[in-house]
Each structure stands twice: as C-alpha cells, then as structure tokens.
Amino acid sequence: MGGGGHGHADASHGHGAGDFRSKVWSMTGGPYCRPVHWRRNTAIALFGIVLVCIPIAMKSAELEVLIVLFLDFLFLFILADLFWL
C-alpha cells in the first residue's frame, strides 16, 4: 500500500541520516548560534529598556499620588456621609 518506494528512511532526495540542525533556519540562530557582539547588543538593549522605563515609572508615581489624594477625599466624603445619618 501507498508510497511506491518513497520511504523517508533511506538516503534518497538528500534526506540522509546526518545532522539536519545546521540546515534548519530559526530566529534564534539554531543550535550553534554565537553572535559576535552579543554582550554589546545585550548592554545596548538593557540601556534602552531602562531609558524607556524610568520616565514611565516617574509618571506612574506622579499619577499614583493623584489617585491617593482622590481616594482620601472619597474616604472623607463617605465618612462624613456616615456621621450625617
């Protein structure tokens, strides 16, 4: 049944039993990936992340103060409403 001698176990069609990993493309570079400047690239990426995150953290802290003040006002409003009963 089926196949007609097109089995994949033999070495036909260039599919030998050798190591195929060197012929497989992957985004990470495969099993033998050794980028030349990986330390420099990692340092640049980390610097960029920190450069972006610091202003975001500062703005977040600034907005958090406003939320805390609003919650304090809300708490006092609810507390005053309870005493008016």
N, C-alpha and C. Protein backbone atom coordinates (compact mmCIF):
# COMPACT_ATOMS: atom_id res chain seq x y z
N MET A 1 0.82 -1.18 0.00
CA MET A 1 0.00 0.00 0.00
C MET A 1 0.87 1.24 0.00
N GLY A 2 0.47 2.22 -0.67
CA GLY A 2 0.99 3.58 -0.66
C GLY A 2 2.50 3.74 -0.64
N GLY A 3 2.93 4.84 -1.12
CA GLY A 3 4.34 5.18 -1.05
C GLY A 3 5.10 4.88 -2.31
N GLY A 4 5.02 3.69 -2.83
CA GLY A 4 5.71 3.35 -4.05
C GLY A 4 7.21 3.52 -3.95
N GLY A 5 7.78 3.16 -2.82
CA GLY A 5 9.23 3.29 -2.67
C GLY A 5 9.69 4.68 -2.26
N HIS A 6 8.78 5.52 -1.80
CA HIS A 6 9.17 6.87 -1.37
C HIS A 6 9.35 6.93 0.14
N GLY A 7 9.93 5.95 0.71
CA GLY A 7 10.13 5.95 2.16
C GLY A 7 11.13 7.01 2.57
N HIS A 8 11.02 7.46 3.76
CA HIS A 8 11.91 8.51 4.24
C HIS A 8 13.08 7.97 5.04
N ALA A 9 13.16 6.68 5.20
CA ALA A 9 14.24 6.11 5.99
C ALA A 9 15.52 5.99 5.17
N ASP A 10 15.40 5.94 3.86
CA ASP A 10 16.60 5.81 3.04
C ASP A 10 17.22 7.18 2.80
N ALA A 11 18.34 7.20 2.12
CA ALA A 11 19.09 8.44 1.90
C ALA A 11 18.72 9.11 0.58
N SER A 12 17.56 8.78 0.02
CA SER A 12 17.16 9.40 -1.24
C SER A 12 16.70 10.84 -1.01
N HIS A 13 16.73 11.63 -2.06
CA HIS A 13 16.29 13.02 -2.06
C HIS A 13 17.09 13.89 -1.09
N GLY A 14 18.28 13.54 -0.80
CA GLY A 14 19.11 14.35 0.08
C GLY A 14 18.71 14.30 1.54
N HIS A 15 17.89 13.37 1.92
CA HIS A 15 17.47 13.25 3.31
C HIS A 15 18.26 12.15 3.99
N GLY A 16 19.54 12.38 4.16
CA GLY A 16 20.38 11.38 4.80
C GLY A 16 20.15 11.34 6.29
N ALA A 17 20.83 10.46 6.94
CA ALA A 17 20.69 10.32 8.38
C ALA A 17 21.61 11.27 9.13
N GLY A 18 22.20 12.23 8.43
CA GLY A 18 23.13 13.18 9.06
C GLY A 18 22.43 14.19 9.94
N ASP A 19 23.22 15.11 10.47
CA ASP A 19 22.69 16.15 11.36
C ASP A 19 22.00 17.22 10.52
N PHE A 20 20.69 17.35 10.68
CA PHE A 20 19.91 18.30 9.90
C PHE A 20 19.87 19.68 10.54
N ARG A 21 20.32 19.81 11.78
CA ARG A 21 20.16 21.07 12.50
C ARG A 21 20.92 22.22 11.86
N SER A 22 22.02 21.95 11.18
CA SER A 22 22.77 23.03 10.55
C SER A 22 22.04 23.59 9.33
N LYS A 23 21.04 22.88 8.81
CA LYS A 23 20.30 23.33 7.64
C LYS A 23 18.96 23.95 8.01
N VAL A 24 18.60 23.94 9.28
CA VAL A 24 17.31 24.46 9.72
C VAL A 24 17.49 25.91 10.15
N TRP A 25 16.67 26.80 9.58
CA TRP A 25 16.71 28.21 9.95
C TRP A 25 15.81 28.43 11.15
N SER A 26 16.28 29.22 12.10
CA SER A 26 15.43 29.61 13.21
C SER A 26 15.77 31.04 13.60
N MET A 27 14.81 31.71 14.23
CA MET A 27 15.03 33.10 14.62
C MET A 27 16.14 33.25 15.65
N THR A 28 16.33 32.23 16.46
CA THR A 28 17.35 32.31 17.50
C THR A 28 18.73 31.94 16.98
N GLY A 29 18.82 31.48 15.77
CA GLY A 29 20.12 31.19 15.20
C GLY A 29 20.47 29.72 15.23
N GLY A 30 19.61 28.90 15.73
CA GLY A 30 19.88 27.48 15.72
C GLY A 30 20.77 27.03 16.86
N PRO A 31 21.21 25.78 16.84
CA PRO A 31 21.96 25.23 17.97
C PRO A 31 23.39 25.75 18.08
N TYR A 32 23.93 26.31 17.01
CA TYR A 32 25.32 26.76 17.04
C TYR A 32 25.43 28.28 16.97
N CYS A 33 24.46 28.97 17.51
CA CYS A 33 24.42 30.43 17.43
C CYS A 33 25.43 31.04 18.41
N ARG A 34 26.35 31.81 17.87
CA ARG A 34 27.32 32.55 18.69
C ARG A 34 27.49 33.94 18.08
N PRO A 35 26.57 34.86 18.35
CA PRO A 35 26.71 36.20 17.78
C PRO A 35 28.01 36.85 18.23
N VAL A 36 28.61 37.57 17.33
CA VAL A 36 29.92 38.15 17.60
C VAL A 36 29.86 39.18 18.73
N HIS A 37 28.89 40.06 18.69
CA HIS A 37 28.82 41.17 19.65
C HIS A 37 27.63 41.01 20.59
N TRP A 38 27.39 39.83 21.12
CA TRP A 38 26.20 39.61 21.93
C TRP A 38 26.23 40.39 23.24
N ARG A 39 27.40 40.57 23.82
CA ARG A 39 27.48 41.33 25.08
C ARG A 39 27.14 42.80 24.84
N ARG A 40 27.71 43.37 23.78
CA ARG A 40 27.42 44.76 23.46
C ARG A 40 25.95 44.94 23.12
N ASN A 41 25.40 44.04 22.32
CA ASN A 41 23.98 44.14 21.94
C ASN A 41 23.07 44.02 23.14
N THR A 42 23.41 43.13 24.07
CA THR A 42 22.62 42.98 25.30
C THR A 42 22.69 44.24 26.15
N ALA A 43 23.87 44.83 26.26
CA ALA A 43 24.03 46.06 27.05
C ALA A 43 23.24 47.20 26.42
N ILE A 44 23.26 47.32 25.11
CA ILE A 44 22.51 48.37 24.43
C ILE A 44 21.01 48.17 24.65
N ALA A 45 20.54 46.93 24.55
CA ALA A 45 19.12 46.65 24.74
C ALA A 45 18.69 46.96 26.18
N LEU A 46 19.50 46.57 27.16
CA LEU A 46 19.16 46.85 28.56
C LEU A 46 19.16 48.36 28.84
N PHE A 47 20.12 49.07 28.26
CA PHE A 47 20.17 50.53 28.41
C PHE A 47 18.92 51.16 27.82
N GLY A 48 18.50 50.68 26.66
CA GLY A 48 17.28 51.20 26.04
C GLY A 48 16.05 50.93 26.87
N ILE A 49 15.97 49.74 27.43
CA ILE A 49 14.83 49.40 28.28
C ILE A 49 14.78 50.31 29.51
N VAL A 50 15.92 50.49 30.15
CA VAL A 50 15.99 51.36 31.33
C VAL A 50 15.65 52.80 30.95
N LEU A 51 16.15 53.24 29.81
CA LEU A 51 15.90 54.61 29.35
C LEU A 51 14.41 54.85 29.12
N VAL A 52 13.70 53.85 28.66
CA VAL A 52 12.27 53.98 28.43
C VAL A 52 11.49 53.82 29.74
N CYS A 53 11.93 52.92 30.60
CA CYS A 53 11.15 52.60 31.81
C CYS A 53 11.24 53.68 32.89
N ILE A 54 12.33 54.41 32.97
CA ILE A 54 12.47 55.42 34.02
C ILE A 54 11.41 56.52 33.90
N PRO A 55 11.22 57.13 32.72
CA PRO A 55 10.16 58.15 32.64
C PRO A 55 8.76 57.58 32.88
N ILE A 56 8.53 56.35 32.45
CA ILE A 56 7.24 55.72 32.69
C ILE A 56 7.01 55.53 34.19
N ALA A 57 8.04 55.07 34.91
CA ALA A 57 7.92 54.87 36.35
C ALA A 57 7.71 56.20 37.07
N MET A 58 8.39 57.25 36.60
CA MET A 58 8.23 58.56 37.24
C MET A 58 6.81 59.10 37.02
N LYS A 59 6.29 58.94 35.82
CA LYS A 59 4.93 59.39 35.53
C LYS A 59 3.92 58.57 36.33
N SER A 60 4.18 57.28 36.45
CA SER A 60 3.29 56.42 37.22
C SER A 60 3.26 56.85 38.68
N ALA A 61 4.41 57.17 39.23
CA ALA A 61 4.46 57.62 40.63
C ALA A 61 3.73 58.95 40.79
N GLU A 62 3.85 59.82 39.79
CA GLU A 62 3.16 61.11 39.84
C GLU A 62 1.64 60.91 39.81
N LEU A 63 1.17 60.02 38.96
CA LEU A 63 -0.26 59.77 38.87
C LEU A 63 -0.78 59.02 40.09
N GLU A 64 0.05 58.23 40.70
CA GLU A 64 -0.36 57.50 41.89
C GLU A 64 -0.67 58.44 43.03
N VAL A 65 0.08 59.50 43.15
CA VAL A 65 -0.18 60.48 44.20
C VAL A 65 -1.55 61.10 44.00
N LEU A 66 -1.92 61.39 42.77
CA LEU A 66 -3.23 61.96 42.49
C LEU A 66 -4.34 60.98 42.85
N ILE A 67 -4.15 59.73 42.59
CA ILE A 67 -5.15 58.72 42.93
C ILE A 67 -5.28 58.59 44.45
N VAL A 68 -4.17 58.63 45.15
CA VAL A 68 -4.21 58.54 46.62
C VAL A 68 -4.96 59.74 47.19
N LEU A 69 -4.71 60.93 46.67
CA LEU A 69 -5.42 62.10 47.14
C LEU A 69 -6.91 61.98 46.85
N PHE A 70 -7.26 61.47 45.69
CA PHE A 70 -8.67 61.27 45.36
C PHE A 70 -9.31 60.26 46.30
N LEU A 71 -8.60 59.16 46.59
CA LEU A 71 -9.16 58.16 47.49
C LEU A 71 -9.32 58.70 48.91
N ASP A 72 -8.36 59.54 49.34
CA ASP A 72 -8.50 60.18 50.65
C ASP A 72 -9.74 61.08 50.69
N PHE A 73 -9.94 61.84 49.64
CA PHE A 73 -11.12 62.70 49.56
C PHE A 73 -12.39 61.86 49.57
N LEU A 74 -12.40 60.78 48.82
CA LEU A 74 -13.56 59.89 48.75
C LEU A 74 -13.84 59.28 50.12
N PHE A 75 -12.78 58.84 50.80
CA PHE A 75 -12.94 58.26 52.13
C PHE A 75 -13.54 59.28 53.10
N LEU A 76 -13.03 60.51 53.06
CA LEU A 76 -13.56 61.54 53.95
C LEU A 76 -15.01 61.87 53.62
N PHE A 77 -15.34 61.87 52.34
CA PHE A 77 -16.72 62.13 51.92
C PHE A 77 -17.66 61.04 52.44
N ILE A 78 -17.25 59.78 52.33
CA ILE A 78 -18.06 58.67 52.82
C ILE A 78 -18.17 58.72 54.34
N LEU A 79 -17.07 59.03 55.01
CA LEU A 79 -17.06 59.13 56.46
C LEU A 79 -18.00 60.24 56.93
N ALA A 80 -17.95 61.39 56.26
CA ALA A 80 -18.85 62.50 56.61
C ALA A 80 -20.29 62.11 56.36
N ASP A 81 -20.56 61.39 55.31
CA ASP A 81 -21.91 60.96 55.00
C ASP A 81 -22.43 60.00 56.07
N LEU A 82 -21.58 59.16 56.61
CA LEU A 82 -21.98 58.23 57.65
C LEU A 82 -22.36 58.95 58.94
N PHE A 83 -21.65 60.02 59.27
CA PHE A 83 -21.94 60.75 60.50
C PHE A 83 -23.18 61.62 60.38
N TRP A 84 -23.59 61.93 59.16
CA TRP A 84 -24.80 62.72 58.98
C TRP A 84 -26.04 61.89 59.20
N LEU A 85 -25.90 60.59 59.23
CA LEU A 85 -27.07 59.74 59.45
C LEU A 85 -27.46 59.85 60.86
